Amino acid sequence: MQLKHLLVALVTAAVAATATAGPLPGWTYTAAVAPAGGAAAMHLDEGVRVELDPITFEERSIPYTIIGRVNTTTSGTVDLGAAVAVHKFADLDWEVYDGPSPVQPLGAGFTLSVLFTDPDGNTAVVSADGAAAAAPKFMGGTGQYEIALRQTRSFELGGRRFRVAFDDTPGEAGTDVGFSVTSESVETPEPITLALAVVGLAGLAVARRRK
């Protein structure tokens, strides 16, 4: 009975080992970050700032609009568990206009979309919308982007099910947005893995009988 339990444990471990991480041969991705809704740019902030007139020394109110442009595409091979950085929202990488923005239309935030392709040419697209805002220093802010993109999506492709985790990672030079992929499917161990498990158990059985 103990030998049977050991066999079950070894096979279970082999299954888990094949489903957690590592490259997927023949699988590729193409990822893109763009303003949400197909807009020309992102609407980041608007308001009214107060400045002192250098001649009259009177305060004047100036309406402003801040926008951000983004259009980034990257591609590569799929590696389960590996983090992929698609775009960096660099601090102060935005445009400030007095009054309305001349760039139209403006979208609320951005979209990160990923096209996955399996070895047979089958495809699946997974996307997530992220929030983007500016914190201008002239309004008491940090002068940095404020990015929010922490979501998960699931998809099926090539007879398997995967989970995509979209994430934002703040850093000294800005905030990276990207994704990682993990498998939700329990795969069947490769024949060589099962063979090694059987050989090992057979050796244990022989050793027990000799005792």
C-alpha atoms as a PDB file:
ATOM      1  CA  MET A   1       0.000   0.000   0.000  1.00  0.00           C
ATOM      2  CA  GLN A   2       2.882   2.367   0.789  1.00  0.00           C
ATOM      3  CA  LEU A   3       4.338   1.675  -2.679  1.00  0.00           C
ATOM      4  CA  LYS A   4       1.020   2.622  -4.275  1.00  0.00           C
ATOM      5  CA  HIS A   5       0.893   5.863  -2.335  1.00  0.00           C
ATOM      6  CA  LEU A   6       4.448   6.642  -3.385  1.00  0.00           C
ATOM      7  CA  LEU A   7       3.554   6.088  -7.047  1.00  0.00           C
ATOM      8  CA  VAL A   8       0.604   8.492  -6.760  1.00  0.00           C
ATOM      9  CA  ALA A   9       2.805  11.107  -5.110  1.00  0.00           C
ATOM     10  CA  LEU A  10       5.494  10.858  -7.790  1.00  0.00           C
ATOM     11  CA  VAL A  11       3.037  11.128 -10.666  1.00  0.00           C
ATOM     12  CA  THR A  12       1.308  14.093  -9.002  1.00  0.00           C
ATOM     13  CA  ALA A  13       4.634  15.853  -8.577  1.00  0.00           C
ATOM     14  CA  ALA A  14       5.525  15.182 -12.216  1.00  0.00           C
ATOM     15  CA  VAL A  15       2.237  16.680 -13.382  1.00  0.00           C
ATOM     16  CA  ALA A  16       2.728  19.797 -11.252  1.00  0.00           C
ATOM     17  CA  ALA A  17       6.273  20.262 -12.524  1.00  0.00           C
ATOM     18  CA  THR A  18       5.154  20.280 -16.170  1.00  0.00           C
ATOM     19  CA  ALA A  19       2.409  22.900 -15.648  1.00  0.00           C
ATOM     20  CA  THR A  20       4.023  25.721 -13.716  1.00  0.00           C
ATOM     21  CA  ALA A  21       6.711  27.587 -15.662  1.00  0.00           C
ATOM     22  CA  GLY A  22       9.041  27.610 -18.619  1.00  0.00           C
ATOM     23  CA  PRO A  23       8.995  28.332 -22.366  1.00  0.00           C
ATOM     24  CA  LEU A  24       6.150  27.115 -24.580  1.00  0.00           C
ATOM     25  CA  PRO A  25       7.814  25.873 -27.795  1.00  0.00           C
ATOM     26  CA  GLY A  26       6.333  27.498 -30.878  1.00  0.00           C
ATOM     27  CA  TRP A  27       4.134  29.950 -28.940  1.00  0.00           C
ATOM     28  CA  THR A  28       4.498  33.691 -29.587  1.00  0.00           C
ATOM     29  CA  TYR A  29       2.889  36.938 -28.450  1.00  0.00           C
ATOM     30  CA  THR A  30       2.453  40.452 -29.798  1.00  0.00           C
ATOM     31  CA  ALA A  31       1.577  43.057 -27.161  1.00  0.00           C
ATOM     32  CA  ALA A  32       0.465  46.659 -27.690  1.00  0.00           C
ATOM     33  CA  VAL A  33      -0.317  49.662 -25.483  1.00  0.00           C
ATOM     34  CA  ALA A  34      -2.517  52.416 -26.936  1.00  0.00           C
ATOM     35  CA  PRO A  35      -5.034  55.046 -25.755  1.00  0.00           C
ATOM     36  CA  ALA A  36      -8.355  53.467 -24.802  1.00  0.00           C
ATOM     37  CA  GLY A  37     -11.135  53.404 -27.371  1.00  0.00           C
ATOM     38  CA  GLY A  38      -8.833  54.091 -30.306  1.00  0.00           C
ATOM     39  CA  ALA A  39      -8.352  57.728 -29.208  1.00  0.00           C
ATOM     40  CA  ALA A  40      -5.468  59.889 -30.375  1.00  0.00           C
ATOM     41  CA  ALA A  41      -4.140  60.428 -26.829  1.00  0.00           C
ATOM     42  CA  MET A  42      -4.994  59.952 -23.164  1.00  0.00           C
ATOM     43  CA  HIS A  43      -6.744  62.579 -21.093  1.00  0.00           C
ATOM     44  CA  LEU A  44      -4.610  62.837 -17.942  1.00  0.00           C
ATOM     45  CA  ASP A  45      -5.750  65.938 -16.089  1.00  0.00           C
ATOM     46  CA  GLU A  46      -7.413  69.325 -16.466  1.00  0.00           C
ATOM     47  CA  GLY A  47      -8.076  72.282 -14.188  1.00  0.00           C
ATOM     48  CA  VAL A  48      -7.152  75.877 -13.525  1.00  0.00           C
ATOM     49  CA  ARG A  49      -3.774  77.030 -12.282  1.00  0.00           C
ATOM     50  CA  VAL A  50      -3.100  80.416 -10.717  1.00  0.00           C
ATOM     51  CA  GLU A  51      -0.051  82.415 -11.805  1.00  0.00           C
ATOM     52  CA  LEU A  52       1.307  85.831 -10.838  1.00  0.00           C
ATOM     53  CA  ASP A  53       1.498  88.288 -13.732  1.00  0.00           C
ATOM     54  CA  PRO A  54       5.146  89.463 -13.908  1.00  0.00           C
ATOM     55  CA  ILE A  55       4.109  92.992 -14.958  1.00  0.00           C
ATOM     56  CA  THR A  56       0.994  93.794 -12.947  1.00  0.00           C
ATOM     57  CA  PHE A  57       1.760  91.355 -10.116  1.00  0.00           C
ATOM     58  CA  GLU A  58      -1.870  90.337 -10.219  1.00  0.00           C
ATOM     59  CA  GLU A  59      -3.006  86.766 -10.018  1.00  0.00           C
ATOM     60  CA  ARG A  60      -4.476  85.276 -13.149  1.00  0.00           C
ATOM     61  CA  SER A  61      -6.299  81.986 -13.638  1.00  0.00           C
ATOM     62  CA  ILE A  62      -5.189  79.822 -16.550  1.00  0.00           C
ATOM     63  CA  PRO A  63      -7.155  76.723 -17.536  1.00  0.00           C
ATOM     64  CA  TYR A  64      -5.001  73.787 -18.600  1.00  0.00           C
ATOM     65  CA  THR A  65      -5.271  70.280 -20.061  1.00  0.00           C
ATOM     66  CA  ILE A  66      -2.677  67.509 -19.766  1.00  0.00           C
ATOM     67  CA  ILE A  67      -2.582  64.658 -22.278  1.00  0.00           C
ATOM     68  CA  GLY A  68      -0.352  61.641 -22.822  1.00  0.00           C
ATOM     69  CA  ARG A  69       0.548  59.871 -26.024  1.00  0.00           C
ATOM     70  CA  VAL A  70       1.305  56.147 -26.174  1.00  0.00           C
ATOM     71  CA  ASN A  71       1.616  53.700 -29.050  1.00  0.00           C
ATOM     72  CA  THR A  72       3.966  50.837 -28.221  1.00  0.00           C
ATOM     73  CA  THR A  73       4.165  47.337 -29.720  1.00  0.00           C
ATOM     74  CA  THR A  74       6.463  44.477 -28.753  1.00  0.00           C
ATOM     75  CA  SER A  75       6.612  40.758 -29.518  1.00  0.00           C
ATOM     76  CA  GLY A  76       8.411  37.610 -28.410  1.00  0.00           C
ATOM     77  CA  THR A  77       8.057  33.983 -27.371  1.00  0.00           C
ATOM     78  CA  VAL A  78       5.778  32.860 -24.556  1.00  0.00           C
ATOM     79  CA  ASP A  79       7.537  31.899 -21.323  1.00  0.00           C
ATOM     80  CA  LEU A  80       5.191  30.780 -18.549  1.00  0.00           C
ATOM     81  CA  GLY A  81       5.709  32.695 -15.330  1.00  0.00           C
ATOM     82  CA  ALA A  82       8.033  35.302 -16.863  1.00  0.00           C
ATOM     83  CA  ALA A  83       7.160  38.997 -16.540  1.00  0.00           C
ATOM     84  CA  VAL A  84       7.022  40.965 -19.802  1.00  0.00           C
ATOM     85  CA  ALA A  85       7.360  44.772 -19.709  1.00  0.00           C
ATOM     86  CA  VAL A  86       5.523  46.308 -22.671  1.00  0.00           C
ATOM     87  CA  HIS A  87       5.693  50.079 -22.048  1.00  0.00           C
ATOM     88  CA  LYS A  88       7.218  52.532 -19.572  1.00  0.00           C
ATOM     89  CA  PHE A  89       5.143  55.565 -18.618  1.00  0.00           C
ATOM     90  CA  ALA A  90       8.063  57.913 -17.977  1.00  0.00           C
ATOM     91  CA  ASP A  91       7.628  60.715 -15.456  1.00  0.00           C
ATOM     92  CA  LEU A  92       6.829  64.074 -17.069  1.00  0.00           C
ATOM     93  CA  ASP A  93       6.294  62.289 -20.392  1.00  0.00           C
ATOM     94  CA  TRP A  94       3.125  64.204 -21.128  1.00  0.00           C
ATOM     95  CA  GLU A  95       1.963  67.411 -22.830  1.00  0.00           C
ATOM     96  CA  VAL A  96       0.464  70.474 -21.088  1.00  0.00           C
ATOM     97  CA  TYR A  97      -1.762  72.900 -22.980  1.00  0.00           C
ATOM     98  CA  ASP A  98      -3.339  76.167 -21.915  1.00  0.00           C
ATOM     99  CA  GLY A  99      -7.046  75.654 -22.460  1.00  0.00           C
ATOM    100  CA  PRO A 100      -8.452  72.659 -24.350  1.00  0.00           C
ATOM    101  CA  SER A 101      -6.118  70.143 -25.966  1.00  0.00           C
ATOM    102  CA  PRO A 102      -5.604  70.589 -29.717  1.00  0.00           C
ATOM    103  CA  VAL A 103      -5.257  66.809 -29.935  1.00  0.00           C
ATOM    104  CA  GLN A 104      -8.613  65.058 -30.247  1.00  0.00           C
ATOM    105  CA  PRO A 105     -10.241  62.734 -29.434  1.00  0.00           C
ATOM    106  CA  LEU A 106      -8.937  61.950 -25.954  1.00  0.00           C
ATOM    107  CA  GLY A 107      -9.427  58.600 -24.260  1.00  0.00           C
ATOM    108  CA  ALA A 108      -9.843  57.807 -20.589  1.00  0.00           C
ATOM    109  CA  GLY A 109      -6.743  55.760 -19.881  1.00  0.00           C
ATOM    110  CA  PHE A 110      -5.112  53.106 -22.042  1.00  0.00           C
ATOM    111  CA  THR A 111      -5.539  49.532 -23.237  1.00  0.00           C
ATOM    112  CA  LEU A 112      -2.914  46.784 -23.074  1.00  0.00           C
ATOM    113  CA  SER A 113      -3.765  43.982 -25.509  1.00  0.00           C
ATOM    114  CA  VAL A 114      -1.873  40.752 -26.183  1.00  0.00           C
ATOM    115  CA  LEU A 115      -2.245  38.496 -29.221  1.00  0.00           C
ATOM    116  CA  PHE A 116      -1.170  34.913 -28.511  1.00  0.00           C
ATOM    117  CA  THR A 117      -0.380  32.450 -31.328  1.00  0.00           C
ATOM    118  CA  ASP A 118       0.116  28.703 -30.834  1.00  0.00           C
ATOM    119  CA  PRO A 119       2.290  26.437 -33.054  1.00  0.00           C
ATOM    120  CA  ASP A 120      -0.720  25.603 -35.269  1.00  0.00           C
ATOM    121  CA  GLY A 121      -1.430  29.255 -36.032  1.00  0.00           C
ATOM    122  CA  ASN A 122      -4.471  29.516 -33.757  1.00  0.00           C
ATOM    123  CA  THR A 123      -4.786  32.872 -32.010  1.00  0.00           C
ATOM    124  CA  ALA A 124      -6.380  34.469 -28.955  1.00  0.00           C
ATOM    125  CA  VAL A 125      -6.490  38.124 -27.922  1.00  0.00           C
ATOM    126  CA  VAL A 126      -6.556  39.158 -24.260  1.00  0.00           C
ATOM    127  CA  SER A 127      -6.762  42.797 -23.145  1.00  0.00           C
ATOM    128  CA  ALA A 128      -7.195  45.005 -20.089  1.00  0.00           C
ATOM    129  CA  ASP A 129      -7.941  48.700 -19.639  1.00  0.00           C
ATOM    130  CA  GLY A 130      -5.720  50.745 -17.344  1.00  0.00           C
ATOM    131  CA  ALA A 131      -6.173  54.119 -15.677  1.00  0.00           C
ATOM    132  CA  ALA A 132      -3.687  56.939 -16.249  1.00  0.00           C
ATOM    133  CA  ALA A 133      -3.494  60.348 -14.605  1.00  0.00           C
ATOM    134  CA  ALA A 134      -0.943  63.121 -14.193  1.00  0.00           C
ATOM    135  CA  ALA A 135       0.106  64.743 -10.930  1.00  0.00           C
ATOM    136  CA  PRO A 136       1.624  68.061 -12.117  1.00  0.00           C
ATOM    137  CA  LYS A 137       3.968  69.868  -9.764  1.00  0.00           C
ATOM    138  CA  PHE A 138       2.377  73.231 -10.525  1.00  0.00           C
ATOM    139  CA  MET A 139      -0.757  71.869  -8.863  1.00  0.00           C
ATOM    140  CA  GLY A 140       1.141  70.468  -5.872  1.00  0.00           C
ATOM    141  CA  GLY A 141       1.618  66.992  -7.330  1.00  0.00           C
ATOM    142  CA  THR A 142       4.676  64.786  -7.654  1.00  0.00           C
ATOM    143  CA  GLY A 143       5.290  65.435 -11.339  1.00  0.00           C
ATOM    144  CA  GLN A 144       4.717  61.747 -12.033  1.00  0.00           C
ATOM    145  CA  TYR A 145       2.256  59.492 -13.787  1.00  0.00           C
ATOM    146  CA  GLU A 146      -0.350  57.723 -11.686  1.00  0.00           C
ATOM    147  CA  ILE A 147      -0.942  54.340 -13.354  1.00  0.00           C
ATOM    148  CA  ALA A 148      -3.321  51.549 -12.327  1.00  0.00           C
ATOM    149  CA  LEU A 149      -3.312  48.213 -14.178  1.00  0.00           C
ATOM    150  CA  ARG A 150      -3.723  45.166 -11.969  1.00  0.00           C
ATOM    151  CA  GLN A 151      -6.152  42.695 -13.486  1.00  0.00           C
ATOM    152  CA  THR A 152      -6.317  39.053 -14.528  1.00  0.00           C
ATOM    153  CA  ARG A 153      -7.889  37.434 -17.580  1.00  0.00           C
ATOM    154  CA  SER A 154      -8.270  33.797 -18.640  1.00  0.00           C
ATOM    155  CA  PHE A 155      -8.281  32.354 -22.155  1.00  0.00           C
ATOM    156  CA  GLU A 156      -8.179  29.005 -23.952  1.00  0.00           C
ATOM    157  CA  LEU A 157      -5.904  28.185 -26.874  1.00  0.00           C
ATOM    158  CA  GLY A 158      -4.461  24.981 -28.291  1.00  0.00           C
ATOM    159  CA  GLY A 159      -6.600  22.844 -26.006  1.00  0.00           C
ATOM    160  CA  ARG A 160      -5.212  24.506 -22.896  1.00  0.00           C
ATOM    161  CA  ARG A 161      -6.360  27.203 -20.492  1.00  0.00           C
ATOM    162  CA  PHE A 162      -4.142  30.083 -19.381  1.00  0.00           C
ATOM    163  CA  ARG A 163      -4.308  33.061 -17.052  1.00  0.00           C
ATOM    164  CA  VAL A 164      -2.829  36.442 -17.910  1.00  0.00           C
ATOM    165  CA  ALA A 165      -1.906  38.797 -15.073  1.00  0.00           C
ATOM    166  CA  PHE A 166      -1.667  42.456 -16.153  1.00  0.00           C
ATOM    167  CA  ASP A 167       0.406  44.581 -13.801  1.00  0.00           C
ATOM    168  CA  ASP A 168       1.992  47.985 -13.215  1.00  0.00           C
ATOM    169  CA  THR A 169       5.443  48.313 -11.639  1.00  0.00           C
ATOM    170  CA  PRO A 170       6.496  51.772 -10.386  1.00  0.00           C
ATOM    171  CA  GLY A 171      10.178  52.635 -10.564  1.00  0.00           C
ATOM    172  CA  GLU A 172      12.555  55.595 -10.301  1.00  0.00           C
ATOM    173  CA  ALA A 173      12.223  56.499 -13.991  1.00  0.00           C
ATOM    174  CA  GLY A 174       8.515  55.799 -14.352  1.00  0.00           C
ATOM    175  CA  THR A 175       5.983  52.981 -14.278  1.00  0.00           C
ATOM    176  CA  ASP A 176       6.239  49.827 -16.392  1.00  0.00           C
ATOM    177  CA  VAL A 177       3.070  48.097 -17.559  1.00  0.00           C
ATOM    178  CA  GLY A 178       3.140  44.519 -18.750  1.00  0.00           C
ATOM    179  CA  PHE A 179       1.898  41.000 -18.189  1.00  0.00           C
ATOM    180  CA  SER A 180       2.773  37.430 -17.271  1.00  0.00           C
ATOM    181  CA  VAL A 181       1.166  34.131 -18.317  1.00  0.00           C
ATOM    182  CA  THR A 182       0.545  31.003 -16.251  1.00  0.00           C
ATOM    183  CA  SER A 183      -1.135  27.741 -17.157  1.00  0.00           C
ATOM    184  CA  GLU A 184      -4.449  26.786 -15.591  1.00  0.00           C
ATOM    185  CA  SER A 185      -4.461  23.384 -17.273  1.00  0.00           C
ATOM    186  CA  VAL A 186      -3.182  20.199 -15.636  1.00  0.00           C
ATOM    187  CA  GLU A 187      -0.960  18.656 -18.251  1.00  0.00           C
ATOM    188  CA  THR A 188      -0.160  14.977 -18.763  1.00  0.00           C
ATOM    189  CA  PRO A 189       3.484  14.254 -17.942  1.00  0.00           C
ATOM    190  CA  GLU A 190       5.759  13.444 -20.868  1.00  0.00           C
ATOM    191  CA  PRO A 191       6.421   9.727 -21.479  1.00  0.00           C
ATOM    192  CA  ILE A 192      10.016  10.006 -20.289  1.00  0.00           C
ATOM    193  CA  THR A 193       8.851  11.466 -16.977  1.00  0.00           C
ATOM    194  CA  LEU A 194       6.436   8.612 -16.408  1.00  0.00           C
ATOM    195  CA  ALA A 195       9.069   6.081 -17.467  1.00  0.00           C
ATOM    196  CA  LEU A 196      11.550   7.384 -14.919  1.00  0.00           C
ATOM    197  CA  ALA A 197       8.890   7.252 -12.202  1.00  0.00           C
ATOM    198  CA  VAL A 198       7.974   3.655 -13.062  1.00  0.00           C
ATOM    199  CA  VAL A 199      11.627   2.565 -13.179  1.00  0.00           C
ATOM    200  CA  GLY A 200      12.264   4.143  -9.796  1.00  0.00           C
ATOM    201  CA  LEU A 201       9.263   2.448  -8.226  1.00  0.00           C
ATOM    202  CA  ALA A 202      10.169  -0.875  -9.778  1.00  0.00           C
ATOM    203  CA  GLY A 203      13.586  -0.605  -8.182  1.00  0.00           C
ATOM    204  CA  LEU A 204      11.998   0.084  -4.811  1.00  0.00           C
ATOM    205  CA  ALA A 205       9.730  -2.938  -5.213  1.00  0.00           C
ATOM    206  CA  VAL A 206      12.687  -5.216  -6.015  1.00  0.00           C
ATOM    207  CA  ALA A 207      14.596  -3.899  -3.047  1.00  0.00           C
ATOM    208  CA  ARG A 208      11.650  -4.585  -0.739  1.00  0.00           C
ATOM    209  CA  ARG A 209      11.274  -8.149  -1.967  1.00  0.00           C
ATOM    210  CA  ARG A 210      14.967  -8.856  -1.398  1.00  0.00           C
ATOM    211  CA  LYS A 211      14.560  -7.805   2.204  1.00  0.00           C
END
